[in-house]
Every structure is written in C-alpha cells, then in structure tokens.
Amino acid sequence: MIKLLAESGSTKTDWMLVSEQGERNSFTTAGINPLLLSIEEITELVEEQPTLVKAATQISQVFFYGAGCGNKDAVNRLKIVFQGFFYNASIEIFPDTLAAARACCGKNPGIVGIIGTGANAGFFDGDHQFTPFVPSLGFILGDEGSGNWIGRKLLSDYFYGRMPVGLREAFLEEYAIDYQEVISRLYRSQAPNAYLASFAPFCHHHFAHAYCTSLVMNGINLFLNRFIDPAILPEGSKIHFAGSVAFAFQEQIREQLDTRKLSMGNVVSRPLEALLSFHLDQA
C-alpha cells in the first residue's frame, strides 16, 4: 500500500507518494484551498491528475496539510472529496500552519513565522498545536509582508503610476499587464490571493532596485510588527520561518530580527520533505 502526503497553499500543492519499499514519486499541481473552492471544484482538480487517478485504490493513508484547513466546513468539503476518491485510505487533514511548524521544528516546541502566499506567526507546542499570536485576517485585511501583499502593492503602484518608469516597463514586459484582465482575475478567479502572489517574484528578480528593496523591507517590518511582538518574547528568542517569501528574503529578515534582538532559526521553503520525515518517525 502507498502513503500520500500533500502540502498545499492557495498557489500550489506539493504531493508525494511513498511506497512500502520507500520509493517516492513527487509532483506539483495547482493549489487546493477548500475555503475558496467548492466540492465540485476540488473534485475536478483531483480527478484531472493522472498520477492520483492511477494510484487512488492503492493509497492507504492520506496526510493533507493545506491553506483553509483550519475551518471545519472547509475540511468537511475536502474530506467528502478525498473519502470518495481515496476510498481505501484513512484521511487526516491539517492546517498549513501545522505543516510549517512541523517542518521547521520537528517534534520540538518553537516560534514559527510563515511568509508565503499569506502570512502568520505563532507558537508550536512540538506536537499538534500551533497557536497564532494574533488572528489571521487573510489577504484582504492582513497578510502583511506576504506574497499577495507584495503583489497587491506592485499592482497598485503600477496602475497609479507610482512605480519608477524603467521598472514599470520591466513589469509590463514580464507580466503583460492588462487592466481589465487584472480586475477580472481579482474579482472572478477562484484564488485571488494566489494571483496577487504570482507577482511577488518580480521584487526578488529586481531587488537591487531601490523601489523593490524599499517595498520588501517595508513588508518585512510590517510582518514583524504585526505578527511578532518582541515585547512578549524573551530577548534572543529564536524564530523559525517557512514559506517561499521568507526563504527568498531570509537574509533581510535576519537583519531585521537582529535589530529587535531576536535570532533566526530554521528556514524552510517547501515543507514536504521535512513532513515526510515527521510522519515516518510517527509510524
């Protein structure tokens, strides 16, 4: 029989099939956020993956970590799909915050910051509980410093004419920006937060430009000010980080932690490999 492990954000899902002999088959698909998708939409996303279709009857365990999986109704939608598709398997569904915590800390307690498509931070008990320091307000009201926050700032500055001329031309060339398409994607697509985050790599590619440097550093400081209050942490506290944005700008985050007398711990871009080790140890 086969174990299926998945770690999903709104942007993408990393999957891994692991046989009894330890053979692995990894692949990536579109993100599955059950808070944003209907049962029908989730079913379509799963059924269009030939690797999952081929292995479905042989899968005995499913461990799914995902954005939106802290909401009971969303988890129920996902379970309905998985129980019908992987009908020989036990199904365990966890929030993506727990994926980040377990990937960064293993079985040890720790403080974890998450900066990917979205943003969050909290305390991990070393077992199954991640407790955010502040409520997550999502991509409309919160997610400061995240990929979707960076994307939102880039688009806003582009259309308002606040982006420097040379950089504006590079942005247009890289993304073929069209006002009507952007508005349509933001208000009619399944995952507008993932769409916004798709623009964030621009700041990494052009980080040497003062505009991008300023935008990213502002985001990092907003994240630390909103999500990690040094007043409630002992001096020298170690902060672990997970997420593509945290990984890309880890040196800049480290610098800002130093100014707050905090220290950098582990930094994980994609948690799946570490999660496999966690679950193999649990077997």
Protein backbone atom coordinates (compact mmCIF):
# COMPACT_ATOMS: atom_id res chain seq x y z
CA MET A 1 0.00 0.00 0.00
CA ILE A 2 1.01 3.62 -0.53
CA LYS A 3 1.09 6.71 1.68
CA LEU A 4 0.08 10.05 0.14
CA LEU A 5 1.45 13.23 1.67
CA ALA A 6 0.43 16.68 0.43
CA GLU A 7 1.22 20.25 1.42
CA SER A 8 -0.96 22.86 -0.23
CA GLY A 9 -1.19 26.61 -0.31
CA SER A 10 -3.55 28.66 -2.42
CA THR A 11 -0.91 28.81 -5.18
CA LYS A 12 0.30 25.22 -5.48
CA THR A 13 0.12 21.75 -3.94
CA ASP A 14 3.21 19.58 -3.44
CA TRP A 15 2.35 15.85 -3.41
CA MET A 16 4.43 12.80 -2.55
CA LEU A 17 3.52 9.14 -2.97
CA VAL A 18 5.60 6.80 -0.78
CA SER A 19 5.52 3.02 -1.30
CA GLU A 20 6.12 0.38 1.39
CA GLN A 21 9.62 -0.04 -0.08
CA GLY A 22 10.29 3.68 0.40
CA GLU A 23 10.07 4.61 -3.27
CA ARG A 24 8.93 8.22 -3.76
CA ASN A 25 7.04 9.96 -6.52
CA SER A 26 6.75 13.74 -6.11
CA PHE A 27 4.78 16.18 -8.25
CA THR A 28 3.19 19.61 -8.05
CA THR A 29 -0.31 20.76 -9.01
CA ALA A 30 -2.45 23.85 -8.60
CA GLY A 31 -3.27 24.84 -5.04
CA ILE A 32 -6.30 23.36 -3.27
CA ASN A 33 -7.78 25.74 -0.71
CA PRO A 34 -11.13 24.30 0.43
CA LEU A 35 -12.08 27.64 1.96
CA LEU A 36 -12.16 29.13 -1.55
CA LEU A 37 -13.22 26.10 -3.62
CA SER A 38 -16.47 24.13 -3.82
CA ILE A 39 -16.70 20.33 -3.61
CA GLU A 40 -17.12 20.24 -7.38
CA GLU A 41 -14.05 22.39 -7.99
CA ILE A 42 -11.90 20.32 -5.62
CA THR A 43 -13.12 17.11 -7.26
CA GLU A 44 -12.20 18.44 -10.70
CA LEU A 45 -8.69 19.40 -9.55
CA VAL A 46 -8.07 15.94 -8.06
CA GLU A 47 -9.59 13.95 -10.92
CA GLU A 48 -7.52 15.73 -13.57
CA GLN A 49 -4.25 14.47 -12.02
CA PRO A 50 -3.34 11.16 -13.75
CA THR A 51 -0.83 10.18 -11.04
CA LEU A 52 -3.50 10.40 -8.35
CA VAL A 53 -6.07 8.59 -10.50
CA LYS A 54 -3.65 5.73 -11.20
CA ALA A 55 -2.65 5.28 -7.54
CA ALA A 56 -6.02 6.03 -5.88
CA THR A 57 -7.02 2.43 -4.99
CA GLN A 58 -3.55 1.60 -3.60
CA ILE A 59 -3.35 4.53 -1.20
CA SER A 60 -3.85 3.50 2.44
CA GLN A 61 -3.10 6.78 4.22
CA VAL A 62 -3.54 10.43 3.23
CA PHE A 63 -1.90 13.25 5.17
CA PHE A 64 -3.04 16.58 3.73
CA TYR A 65 -1.82 19.93 5.05
CA GLY A 66 -3.47 22.94 3.49
CA ALA A 67 -4.41 26.59 3.48
CA GLY A 68 -8.01 26.97 4.63
CA CYS A 69 -7.88 23.70 6.58
CA GLY A 70 -8.33 25.39 9.93
CA ASN A 71 -12.00 25.90 9.01
CA LYS A 72 -14.31 22.99 9.87
CA ASP A 73 -16.67 23.46 6.93
CA ALA A 74 -13.74 23.66 4.53
CA VAL A 75 -12.20 20.49 5.99
CA ASN A 76 -15.53 18.69 5.62
CA ARG A 77 -15.67 19.64 1.93
CA LEU A 78 -12.19 18.28 1.40
CA LYS A 79 -12.96 15.06 3.30
CA ILE A 80 -16.02 14.41 1.17
CA VAL A 81 -13.86 14.54 -1.96
CA PHE A 82 -10.98 12.52 -0.54
CA GLN A 83 -13.15 9.83 1.03
CA GLY A 84 -14.89 9.29 -2.29
CA PHE A 85 -11.66 9.29 -4.29
CA PHE A 86 -9.20 7.52 -1.94
CA TYR A 87 -11.79 5.08 -0.65
CA ASN A 88 -9.27 2.57 0.79
CA ALA A 89 -7.42 5.20 2.80
CA SER A 90 -7.58 6.81 6.20
CA ILE A 91 -7.73 10.58 5.78
CA GLU A 92 -6.01 13.12 8.04
CA ILE A 93 -6.28 16.84 7.25
CA PHE A 94 -4.27 19.54 8.99
CA PRO A 95 -3.95 23.34 8.61
CA ASP A 96 -0.96 24.65 6.65
CA THR A 97 0.29 26.39 9.79
CA LEU A 98 0.94 22.96 11.31
CA ALA A 99 2.87 21.94 8.18
CA ALA A 100 5.14 24.95 8.62
CA ALA A 101 5.56 24.29 12.34
CA ARG A 102 6.36 20.59 11.99
CA ALA A 103 8.70 21.22 9.05
CA CYS A 104 10.62 23.88 10.97
CA CYS A 105 10.62 22.37 14.45
CA GLY A 106 10.02 18.63 14.06
CA LYS A 107 8.85 17.47 17.48
CA ASN A 108 10.31 20.40 19.39
CA PRO A 109 8.38 23.46 20.61
CA GLY A 110 9.22 26.70 18.84
CA ILE A 111 8.16 30.03 17.41
CA VAL A 112 7.32 29.94 13.71
CA GLY A 113 6.77 32.74 11.22
CA ILE A 114 5.06 31.94 7.93
CA ILE A 115 5.61 34.19 4.92
CA GLY A 116 4.43 32.64 1.68
CA THR A 117 1.29 33.44 -0.30
CA GLY A 118 -0.12 34.52 3.07
CA ALA A 119 1.41 35.37 6.45
CA ASN A 120 1.09 34.25 10.06
CA ALA A 121 3.17 33.58 13.17
CA GLY A 122 2.70 31.73 16.41
CA PHE A 123 3.89 29.18 18.94
CA PHE A 124 4.17 25.44 18.16
CA ASP A 125 3.87 23.04 21.11
CA GLY A 126 6.02 20.35 19.49
CA ASP A 127 3.02 18.10 18.89
CA HIS A 128 -0.17 19.12 17.07
CA GLN A 129 -1.00 22.64 18.20
CA PHE A 130 0.04 25.88 16.50
CA THR A 131 -1.27 28.94 18.35
CA PRO A 132 -1.14 32.23 16.37
CA PHE A 133 -0.01 35.30 18.27
CA VAL A 134 -2.71 37.38 16.55
CA PRO A 135 -5.76 36.43 14.44
CA SER A 136 -5.15 35.84 10.74
CA LEU A 137 -7.12 38.44 8.77
CA GLY A 138 -6.45 36.96 5.33
CA PHE A 139 -5.41 38.63 2.12
CA ILE A 140 -7.98 41.45 2.19
CA LEU A 141 -7.33 42.81 5.68
CA GLY A 142 -3.96 41.32 6.62
CA ASP A 143 -1.12 39.10 5.38
CA GLU A 144 1.40 41.93 5.72
CA GLY A 145 4.73 41.09 4.09
CA SER A 146 3.37 38.06 2.24
CA GLY A 147 3.47 37.27 -1.46
CA ASN A 148 -0.06 38.52 -2.00
CA TRP A 149 0.72 41.71 -0.04
CA ILE A 150 3.76 42.37 -2.26
CA GLY A 151 1.72 41.66 -5.38
CA ARG A 152 -1.04 43.99 -4.24
CA LYS A 153 1.48 46.82 -3.70
CA LEU A 154 3.11 46.24 -7.09
CA LEU A 155 -0.19 46.32 -8.97
CA SER A 156 -1.42 49.35 -7.07
CA ASP A 157 1.76 51.31 -7.74
CA TYR A 158 1.80 50.22 -11.39
CA PHE A 159 -1.73 51.42 -12.14
CA TYR A 160 -1.44 54.59 -10.04
CA GLY A 161 1.83 55.49 -11.76
CA ARG A 162 3.91 55.33 -8.57
CA MET A 163 6.31 52.70 -9.89
CA PRO A 164 9.55 54.16 -11.35
CA VAL A 165 9.37 54.42 -15.14
CA GLY A 166 12.15 51.96 -16.00
CA LEU A 167 10.84 49.40 -13.53
CA ARG A 168 7.29 49.93 -14.78
CA GLU A 169 8.42 49.00 -18.28
CA ALA A 170 10.11 45.84 -16.97
CA PHE A 171 6.95 44.93 -15.04
CA LEU A 172 4.79 45.37 -18.13
CA GLU A 173 7.20 43.29 -20.24
CA GLU A 174 7.36 40.47 -17.68
CA TYR A 175 3.63 40.21 -16.96
CA ALA A 176 1.90 41.78 -19.99
CA ILE A 177 -0.30 43.71 -17.59
CA ASP A 178 -3.83 44.48 -18.78
CA TYR A 179 -6.20 46.42 -16.52
CA GLN A 180 -9.36 44.53 -17.47
CA GLU A 181 -7.69 41.15 -17.04
CA VAL A 182 -6.30 42.09 -13.64
CA ILE A 183 -9.70 43.23 -12.37
CA SER A 184 -11.36 40.11 -13.74
CA ARG A 185 -8.78 37.82 -12.13
CA LEU A 186 -9.06 39.60 -8.79
CA TYR A 187 -12.83 39.53 -8.56
CA ARG A 188 -13.78 36.42 -10.53
CA SER A 189 -10.98 33.88 -10.09
CA GLN A 190 -11.04 31.01 -7.60
CA ALA A 191 -7.91 32.18 -5.74
CA PRO A 192 -7.28 35.94 -5.99
CA ASN A 193 -4.67 35.73 -3.22
CA ALA A 194 -2.62 33.28 -5.29
CA TYR A 195 -2.99 35.53 -8.33
CA LEU A 196 -1.66 38.51 -6.37
CA ALA A 197 1.23 36.43 -5.04
CA SER A 198 2.24 35.46 -8.58
CA PHE A 199 3.68 38.98 -8.98
CA ALA A 200 5.89 38.79 -5.87
CA PRO A 201 8.92 37.17 -7.63
CA PHE A 202 9.34 40.46 -9.52
CA CYS A 203 10.67 42.04 -6.33
CA HIS A 204 13.16 39.21 -5.91
CA HIS A 205 14.35 39.50 -9.51
CA HIS A 206 14.77 43.27 -9.18
CA PHE A 207 15.68 43.50 -5.50
CA ALA A 208 18.76 45.65 -6.26
CA HIS A 209 16.42 48.43 -7.41
CA ALA A 210 15.71 50.87 -4.58
CA TYR A 211 11.95 50.64 -5.16
CA CYS A 212 11.88 46.84 -4.70
CA THR A 213 14.30 46.98 -1.78
CA SER A 214 12.08 49.51 -0.02
CA LEU A 215 8.86 47.58 -0.73
CA VAL A 216 10.27 44.29 0.58
CA MET A 217 11.86 45.81 3.67
CA ASN A 218 8.63 47.64 4.47
CA GLY A 219 6.79 44.33 4.19
CA ILE A 220 9.24 42.53 6.47
CA ASN A 221 8.97 45.23 9.11
CA LEU A 222 5.18 45.26 8.90
CA PHE A 223 5.17 41.47 9.30
CA LEU A 224 7.39 41.60 12.36
CA ASN A 225 5.44 44.50 13.88
CA ARG A 226 2.04 42.89 13.28
CA PHE A 227 2.76 39.22 13.92
CA ILE A 228 5.80 39.01 16.20
CA ASP A 229 5.81 41.48 19.07
CA PRO A 230 9.27 41.47 20.70
CA ALA A 231 7.67 42.77 23.87
CA ILE A 232 6.13 39.33 24.53
CA LEU A 233 9.27 37.35 23.62
CA PRO A 234 12.41 36.98 25.71
CA GLU A 235 15.49 38.70 24.27
CA GLY A 236 17.36 36.32 21.96
CA SER A 237 14.28 34.24 21.12
CA LYS A 238 14.77 32.11 18.02
CA ILE A 239 12.21 32.46 15.22
CA HIS A 240 11.88 29.76 12.57
CA PHE A 241 10.44 30.67 9.17
CA ALA A 242 8.55 28.83 6.45
CA GLY A 243 7.34 29.95 3.04
CA SER A 244 8.71 30.99 -0.33
CA VAL A 245 8.92 34.71 0.52
CA ALA A 246 10.68 34.01 3.83
CA PHE A 247 13.15 31.75 2.03
CA ALA A 248 13.84 34.28 -0.74
CA PHE A 249 14.44 37.17 1.68
CA GLN A 250 15.85 35.30 4.67
CA GLU A 251 18.97 37.49 4.93
CA GLN A 252 16.85 40.65 5.05
CA ILE A 253 14.60 39.05 7.70
CA ARG A 254 17.69 38.05 9.70
CA GLU A 255 18.92 41.65 9.67
CA GLN A 256 15.61 42.96 10.98
CA LEU A 257 15.45 40.28 13.68
CA ASP A 258 18.92 41.35 14.82
CA THR A 259 17.72 44.92 15.31
CA ARG A 260 14.96 43.53 17.56
CA LYS A 261 17.41 41.33 19.49
CA LEU A 262 15.78 38.18 18.11
CA SER A 263 17.54 35.40 16.21
CA MET A 264 16.85 33.37 13.06
CA GLY A 265 16.19 29.64 13.34
CA ASN A 266 15.47 27.18 10.54
CA VAL A 267 14.18 28.50 7.21
CA VAL A 268 12.09 26.12 5.08
CA SER A 269 10.81 26.96 1.60
CA ARG A 270 8.79 23.81 0.85
CA PRO A 271 7.87 21.73 3.92
CA LEU A 272 7.04 18.43 2.21
CA GLU A 273 10.37 16.62 2.68
CA ALA A 274 10.51 17.52 6.38
CA LEU A 275 6.90 16.44 6.81
CA LEU A 276 7.73 13.04 5.33
CA SER A 277 10.44 12.58 7.95
CA PHE A 278 7.95 13.59 10.64
CA HIS A 279 5.37 11.02 9.55
CA LEU A 280 7.91 8.24 9.01
CA ASP A 281 9.09 8.81 12.58
CA GLN A 282 5.46 8.54 13.73
CA ALA A 283 4.99 5.16 12.01
